[in-house]
């Protein structure tokens, strides 16, 4: 699924899903629990908005912008070459995909993913 996908990191995934459903009419399309039952990942369709502030002004960000590629390595190398800071190396993950995180010079966190290399 190529495209730009915002990720929100929260302390209580189930409470966040309930809030976004109630507050913005979100629809939870998928919920993936971790081994201990907490929400590891969920996909919601949301139609809402709010104010914005630069991550450096806030002292960091809880949002990850995810980019999915057919081959993640060239995109990763391009971003690192352009000056992105590695937060989590691009590696094969337990869910069967390549995934890593970068921080851009402005404080935004980007994840890059793609199919696992065979």
N, C-alpha and C. Protein backbone atom coordinates (compact mmCIF):
# COMPACT_ATOMS: atom_id res chain seq x y z
N UNK A 1 0.85 -1.17 0.00
CA UNK A 1 0.00 0.00 0.00
C UNK A 1 0.90 1.24 0.00
N UNK A 2 1.38 1.71 -1.14
CA UNK A 2 2.21 2.91 -1.18
C UNK A 2 1.42 4.14 -0.72
N UNK A 3 2.12 5.08 -0.18
CA UNK A 3 1.48 6.32 0.22
C UNK A 3 2.07 6.88 1.49
N UNK A 4 1.48 7.93 1.97
CA UNK A 4 1.88 8.61 3.19
C UNK A 4 0.85 8.28 4.26
N UNK A 5 1.31 7.72 5.38
CA UNK A 5 0.42 7.25 6.43
C UNK A 5 0.87 7.83 7.76
N UNK A 6 0.06 8.70 8.42
CA UNK A 6 0.47 9.20 9.74
C UNK A 6 0.24 8.14 10.81
N UNK A 7 1.20 8.01 11.72
CA UNK A 7 1.09 7.10 12.86
C UNK A 7 1.03 7.95 14.12
N UNK A 8 0.09 7.68 15.01
CA UNK A 8 0.02 8.35 16.29
C UNK A 8 0.44 7.35 17.37
N UNK A 9 1.33 7.76 18.25
CA UNK A 9 1.76 6.92 19.35
C UNK A 9 1.06 7.40 20.61
N UNK A 10 0.38 6.50 21.32
CA UNK A 10 -0.39 6.86 22.51
C UNK A 10 -0.06 5.89 23.64
N UNK A 11 -0.43 6.26 24.87
CA UNK A 11 -0.20 5.41 26.03
C UNK A 11 -1.22 4.29 26.16
N UNK A 12 -2.45 4.51 25.74
CA UNK A 12 -3.53 3.53 25.90
C UNK A 12 -4.27 3.43 24.57
N UNK A 13 -3.90 2.45 23.77
CA UNK A 13 -4.46 2.31 22.44
C UNK A 13 -5.95 2.10 22.42
N UNK A 14 -6.47 1.27 23.31
CA UNK A 14 -7.91 1.02 23.33
C UNK A 14 -8.68 2.30 23.68
N UNK A 15 -8.18 3.05 24.66
CA UNK A 15 -8.84 4.31 25.03
C UNK A 15 -8.77 5.31 23.88
N UNK A 16 -7.64 5.35 23.18
CA UNK A 16 -7.51 6.27 22.04
C UNK A 16 -8.49 5.91 20.94
N UNK A 17 -8.61 4.61 20.64
CA UNK A 17 -9.57 4.19 19.60
C UNK A 17 -10.98 4.62 19.98
N UNK A 18 -11.36 4.36 21.23
CA UNK A 18 -12.71 4.75 21.69
C UNK A 18 -12.90 6.26 21.58
N UNK A 19 -11.87 7.03 21.97
CA UNK A 19 -11.97 8.49 21.89
C UNK A 19 -12.16 8.94 20.44
N UNK A 20 -11.30 8.46 19.52
CA UNK A 20 -11.39 8.89 18.13
C UNK A 20 -12.71 8.46 17.49
N UNK A 21 -13.24 7.31 17.90
CA UNK A 21 -14.55 6.88 17.40
C UNK A 21 -15.63 7.84 17.89
N UNK A 22 -15.58 8.17 19.17
CA UNK A 22 -16.60 9.04 19.78
C UNK A 22 -16.45 10.49 19.33
N UNK A 23 -15.22 11.00 19.34
CA UNK A 23 -15.00 12.42 19.05
C UNK A 23 -15.07 12.77 17.58
N UNK A 24 -14.55 11.89 16.71
CA UNK A 24 -14.43 12.23 15.30
C UNK A 24 -15.15 11.26 14.37
N UNK A 25 -15.90 10.32 14.91
CA UNK A 25 -16.59 9.35 14.07
C UNK A 25 -15.65 8.39 13.37
N UNK A 26 -14.48 8.15 13.97
CA UNK A 26 -13.50 7.24 13.37
C UNK A 26 -14.05 5.83 13.28
N UNK A 27 -13.55 5.09 12.31
CA UNK A 27 -13.89 3.69 12.16
C UNK A 27 -12.60 2.87 12.29
N UNK A 28 -12.58 1.98 13.26
CA UNK A 28 -11.39 1.12 13.45
C UNK A 28 -11.46 0.02 12.41
N UNK A 29 -10.54 0.07 11.47
CA UNK A 29 -10.52 -0.91 10.38
C UNK A 29 -9.74 -2.16 10.75
N UNK A 30 -8.76 -2.02 11.65
CA UNK A 30 -7.92 -3.15 12.04
C UNK A 30 -7.29 -2.85 13.39
N UNK A 31 -7.25 -3.86 14.27
CA UNK A 31 -6.60 -3.74 15.58
C UNK A 31 -5.69 -4.94 15.75
N UNK A 32 -4.39 -4.71 15.99
CA UNK A 32 -3.42 -5.79 16.16
C UNK A 32 -2.92 -5.76 17.60
N UNK A 33 -3.29 -6.77 18.40
CA UNK A 33 -2.83 -6.78 19.79
C UNK A 33 -1.40 -7.30 19.91
N UNK A 34 -0.70 -6.82 20.94
CA UNK A 34 0.61 -7.36 21.27
C UNK A 34 0.39 -8.64 22.08
N UNK A 35 1.46 -9.32 22.45
CA UNK A 35 1.34 -10.56 23.22
C UNK A 35 0.64 -10.36 24.55
N UNK A 36 0.78 -9.17 25.15
CA UNK A 36 0.13 -8.92 26.44
C UNK A 36 -1.27 -8.32 26.29
N UNK A 37 -1.79 -8.23 25.04
CA UNK A 37 -3.15 -7.79 24.80
C UNK A 37 -3.32 -6.31 24.52
N UNK A 38 -2.26 -5.51 24.75
CA UNK A 38 -2.36 -4.09 24.45
C UNK A 38 -2.38 -3.90 22.93
N UNK A 39 -2.80 -2.72 22.49
CA UNK A 39 -2.81 -2.43 21.07
C UNK A 39 -1.39 -2.16 20.61
N UNK A 40 -0.90 -2.99 19.68
CA UNK A 40 0.41 -2.77 19.09
C UNK A 40 0.28 -1.89 17.85
N UNK A 41 -0.82 -2.08 17.13
CA UNK A 41 -1.06 -1.32 15.90
C UNK A 41 -2.57 -1.35 15.63
N UNK A 42 -3.08 -0.25 15.16
CA UNK A 42 -4.47 -0.19 14.74
C UNK A 42 -4.56 0.75 13.55
N UNK A 43 -5.54 0.51 12.71
CA UNK A 43 -5.76 1.36 11.55
C UNK A 43 -7.16 1.95 11.66
N UNK A 44 -7.23 3.29 11.66
CA UNK A 44 -8.50 3.99 11.78
C UNK A 44 -8.68 4.95 10.61
N UNK A 45 -9.91 5.11 10.19
CA UNK A 45 -10.26 6.16 9.24
C UNK A 45 -10.83 7.29 10.08
N UNK A 46 -10.20 8.46 10.00
CA UNK A 46 -10.60 9.59 10.83
C UNK A 46 -10.79 10.83 9.95
N UNK A 47 -11.81 11.59 10.26
CA UNK A 47 -12.01 12.87 9.59
C UNK A 47 -12.06 13.93 10.67
N UNK A 48 -10.89 14.51 10.98
CA UNK A 48 -10.82 15.52 12.04
C UNK A 48 -9.56 16.34 11.87
N UNK A 49 -9.30 17.24 12.78
CA UNK A 49 -8.10 18.07 12.67
C UNK A 49 -7.85 18.81 13.96
N UNK A 50 -6.92 19.73 13.91
CA UNK A 50 -6.58 20.50 15.08
C UNK A 50 -5.37 21.37 14.83
N UNK A 51 -4.92 22.06 15.86
CA UNK A 51 -3.76 22.93 15.74
C UNK A 51 -2.48 22.14 15.57
N UNK A 52 -1.45 22.79 15.03
CA UNK A 52 -0.18 22.12 14.83
C UNK A 52 0.96 22.97 15.38
N UNK A 53 2.00 22.28 15.84
CA UNK A 53 3.20 22.92 16.34
C UNK A 53 4.40 22.13 15.86
N UNK A 54 5.51 22.79 15.62
CA UNK A 54 6.73 22.12 15.19
C UNK A 54 7.23 21.20 16.29
N UNK A 55 7.72 19.98 15.94
CA UNK A 55 8.20 19.05 16.96
C UNK A 55 9.29 19.63 17.85
N UNK A 56 10.20 20.43 17.30
CA UNK A 56 11.27 21.00 18.13
C UNK A 56 10.69 21.95 19.18
N UNK A 57 9.61 22.64 18.84
CA UNK A 57 8.96 23.54 19.79
C UNK A 57 8.32 22.73 20.92
N UNK A 58 7.86 21.53 20.60
CA UNK A 58 7.19 20.68 21.58
C UNK A 58 8.16 19.80 22.36
N UNK A 59 9.44 19.76 21.93
CA UNK A 59 10.41 18.89 22.57
C UNK A 59 10.34 17.46 22.06
N UNK A 60 9.77 17.26 20.90
CA UNK A 60 9.66 15.93 20.30
C UNK A 60 8.29 15.76 19.68
N UNK A 61 8.04 14.58 19.16
CA UNK A 61 6.76 14.30 18.52
C UNK A 61 6.29 12.91 18.87
N UNK A 62 4.99 12.72 18.93
CA UNK A 62 4.40 11.40 19.12
C UNK A 62 3.84 10.88 17.80
N UNK A 63 4.12 11.57 16.71
CA UNK A 63 3.60 11.18 15.40
C UNK A 63 4.75 10.63 14.55
N UNK A 64 4.50 9.52 13.91
CA UNK A 64 5.43 8.95 12.94
C UNK A 64 4.77 9.00 11.58
N UNK A 65 5.47 9.50 10.58
CA UNK A 65 4.97 9.53 9.21
C UNK A 65 5.56 8.31 8.52
N UNK A 66 4.69 7.42 8.04
CA UNK A 66 5.16 6.15 7.48
C UNK A 66 5.11 6.18 5.96
N UNK A 67 6.21 5.75 5.34
CA UNK A 67 6.28 5.60 3.89
C UNK A 67 6.52 4.13 3.58
N UNK A 68 5.70 3.57 2.72
CA UNK A 68 5.81 2.16 2.34
C UNK A 68 6.31 2.07 0.90
N UNK A 69 7.31 1.23 0.67
CA UNK A 69 7.93 1.08 -0.64
C UNK A 69 7.99 -0.39 -1.03
N UNK A 70 8.06 -0.65 -2.32
CA UNK A 70 8.28 -2.00 -2.81
C UNK A 70 9.67 -2.49 -2.44
N UNK A 71 10.62 -1.58 -2.36
CA UNK A 71 11.98 -1.86 -1.92
C UNK A 71 12.39 -0.70 -1.01
N UNK A 72 12.46 -0.94 0.29
CA UNK A 72 12.69 0.12 1.27
C UNK A 72 14.13 0.63 1.28
N UNK A 73 15.09 -0.20 0.89
CA UNK A 73 16.50 0.18 1.04
C UNK A 73 16.91 1.42 0.25
N UNK A 74 16.54 1.56 -1.04
CA UNK A 74 16.94 2.79 -1.75
C UNK A 74 16.34 4.06 -1.12
N UNK A 75 15.10 3.99 -0.68
CA UNK A 75 14.47 5.15 -0.04
C UNK A 75 15.18 5.48 1.27
N UNK A 76 15.54 4.46 2.03
CA UNK A 76 16.25 4.62 3.30
C UNK A 76 17.61 5.30 3.05
N UNK A 77 18.36 4.76 2.11
CA UNK A 77 19.68 5.30 1.81
C UNK A 77 19.60 6.75 1.33
N UNK A 78 18.59 7.05 0.54
CA UNK A 78 18.41 8.42 0.05
C UNK A 78 18.15 9.38 1.21
N UNK A 79 17.26 9.00 2.13
CA UNK A 79 16.93 9.85 3.27
C UNK A 79 18.13 10.05 4.19
N UNK A 80 18.86 8.98 4.48
CA UNK A 80 20.04 9.08 5.33
C UNK A 80 21.09 9.95 4.64
N UNK A 81 21.27 9.76 3.34
CA UNK A 81 22.21 10.57 2.58
C UNK A 81 21.85 12.05 2.56
N UNK A 82 20.58 12.34 2.66
CA UNK A 82 20.11 13.73 2.67
C UNK A 82 20.23 14.37 4.04
N UNK A 83 20.57 13.57 5.07
CA UNK A 83 20.77 14.14 6.40
C UNK A 83 19.81 13.67 7.47
N UNK A 84 18.96 12.66 7.18
CA UNK A 84 18.07 12.13 8.22
C UNK A 84 18.88 11.36 9.25
N UNK A 85 18.49 11.47 10.51
CA UNK A 85 19.15 10.78 11.62
C UNK A 85 18.46 9.43 11.85
N UNK A 86 19.23 8.36 11.95
CA UNK A 86 18.67 7.03 12.19
C UNK A 86 18.20 6.94 13.65
N UNK A 87 16.93 6.65 13.84
CA UNK A 87 16.35 6.44 15.16
C UNK A 87 16.27 4.94 15.45
N UNK A 88 15.89 4.17 14.45
CA UNK A 88 15.80 2.70 14.52
C UNK A 88 16.26 2.18 13.18
N UNK A 89 17.31 1.37 13.12
CA UNK A 89 17.84 0.90 11.83
C UNK A 89 16.80 0.17 11.00
N UNK A 90 16.93 0.26 9.69
CA UNK A 90 16.09 -0.50 8.77
C UNK A 90 16.52 -1.96 8.84
N UNK A 91 15.62 -2.81 9.33
CA UNK A 91 15.92 -4.22 9.52
C UNK A 91 14.67 -5.06 9.26
N UNK A 92 14.87 -6.35 9.06
CA UNK A 92 13.75 -7.27 8.97
C UNK A 92 13.11 -7.38 10.35
N UNK A 93 11.78 -7.30 10.39
CA UNK A 93 11.05 -7.32 11.65
C UNK A 93 10.28 -8.63 11.80
N UNK A 94 9.81 -8.91 13.01
CA UNK A 94 9.13 -10.16 13.30
C UNK A 94 7.83 -10.31 12.52
N UNK A 95 7.26 -9.20 12.04
CA UNK A 95 6.00 -9.29 11.29
C UNK A 95 6.23 -9.55 9.80
N UNK A 96 7.48 -9.77 9.41
CA UNK A 96 7.77 -10.17 8.04
C UNK A 96 7.97 -9.04 7.07
N UNK A 97 8.45 -7.90 7.54
CA UNK A 97 8.70 -6.75 6.67
C UNK A 97 9.97 -6.05 7.12
N UNK A 98 10.53 -5.25 6.22
CA UNK A 98 11.62 -4.35 6.61
C UNK A 98 10.99 -3.09 7.18
N UNK A 99 11.61 -2.53 8.23
CA UNK A 99 11.06 -1.35 8.89
C UNK A 99 12.18 -0.65 9.64
N UNK A 100 12.19 0.68 9.58
CA UNK A 100 13.13 1.48 10.34
C UNK A 100 12.57 2.87 10.52
N UNK A 101 13.17 3.65 11.43
CA UNK A 101 12.71 5.01 11.71
C UNK A 101 13.86 6.00 11.57
N UNK A 102 13.51 7.18 11.06
CA UNK A 102 14.45 8.29 10.87
C UNK A 102 13.86 9.56 11.47
N UNK A 103 14.72 10.50 11.86
CA UNK A 103 14.27 11.83 12.29
C UNK A 103 14.81 12.83 11.28
N UNK A 104 13.93 13.67 10.74
CA UNK A 104 14.39 14.68 9.79
C UNK A 104 15.00 15.86 10.54
N UNK A 105 15.69 16.76 9.85
CA UNK A 105 16.35 17.89 10.53
C UNK A 105 15.40 18.82 11.27
N UNK A 106 14.09 18.66 11.05
CA UNK A 106 13.11 19.55 11.66
C UNK A 106 12.40 18.89 12.84
N UNK A 107 12.81 17.65 13.18
CA UNK A 107 12.27 16.94 14.33
C UNK A 107 11.16 15.95 14.03
N UNK A 108 10.72 15.85 12.78
CA UNK A 108 9.67 14.89 12.44
C UNK A 108 10.25 13.49 12.31
N UNK A 109 9.51 12.49 12.78
CA UNK A 109 9.95 11.10 12.71
C UNK A 109 9.24 10.43 11.54
N UNK A 110 10.04 9.75 10.72
CA UNK A 110 9.54 9.04 9.54
C UNK A 110 9.90 7.57 9.70
N UNK A 111 8.97 6.69 9.36
CA UNK A 111 9.31 5.28 9.27
C UNK A 111 9.26 4.89 7.80
N UNK A 112 10.15 4.00 7.43
CA UNK A 112 10.20 3.49 6.06
C UNK A 112 10.07 1.99 6.16
N UNK A 113 9.19 1.44 5.33
CA UNK A 113 8.96 0.01 5.34
C UNK A 113 8.80 -0.55 3.96
N UNK A 114 8.87 -1.85 3.89
CA UNK A 114 8.66 -2.56 2.65
C UNK A 114 8.75 -4.05 2.89
N UNK A 115 8.53 -4.82 1.83
CA UNK A 115 8.59 -6.27 1.98
C UNK A 115 9.96 -6.72 2.47
N UNK A 116 9.95 -7.79 3.23
CA UNK A 116 11.19 -8.37 3.73
C UNK A 116 12.00 -8.92 2.55
N UNK A 117 13.31 -8.71 2.61
CA UNK A 117 14.20 -9.24 1.56
C UNK A 117 14.28 -10.75 1.72
N UNK A 118 14.15 -11.45 0.62
CA UNK A 118 14.22 -12.93 0.65
C UNK A 118 15.63 -13.38 0.37
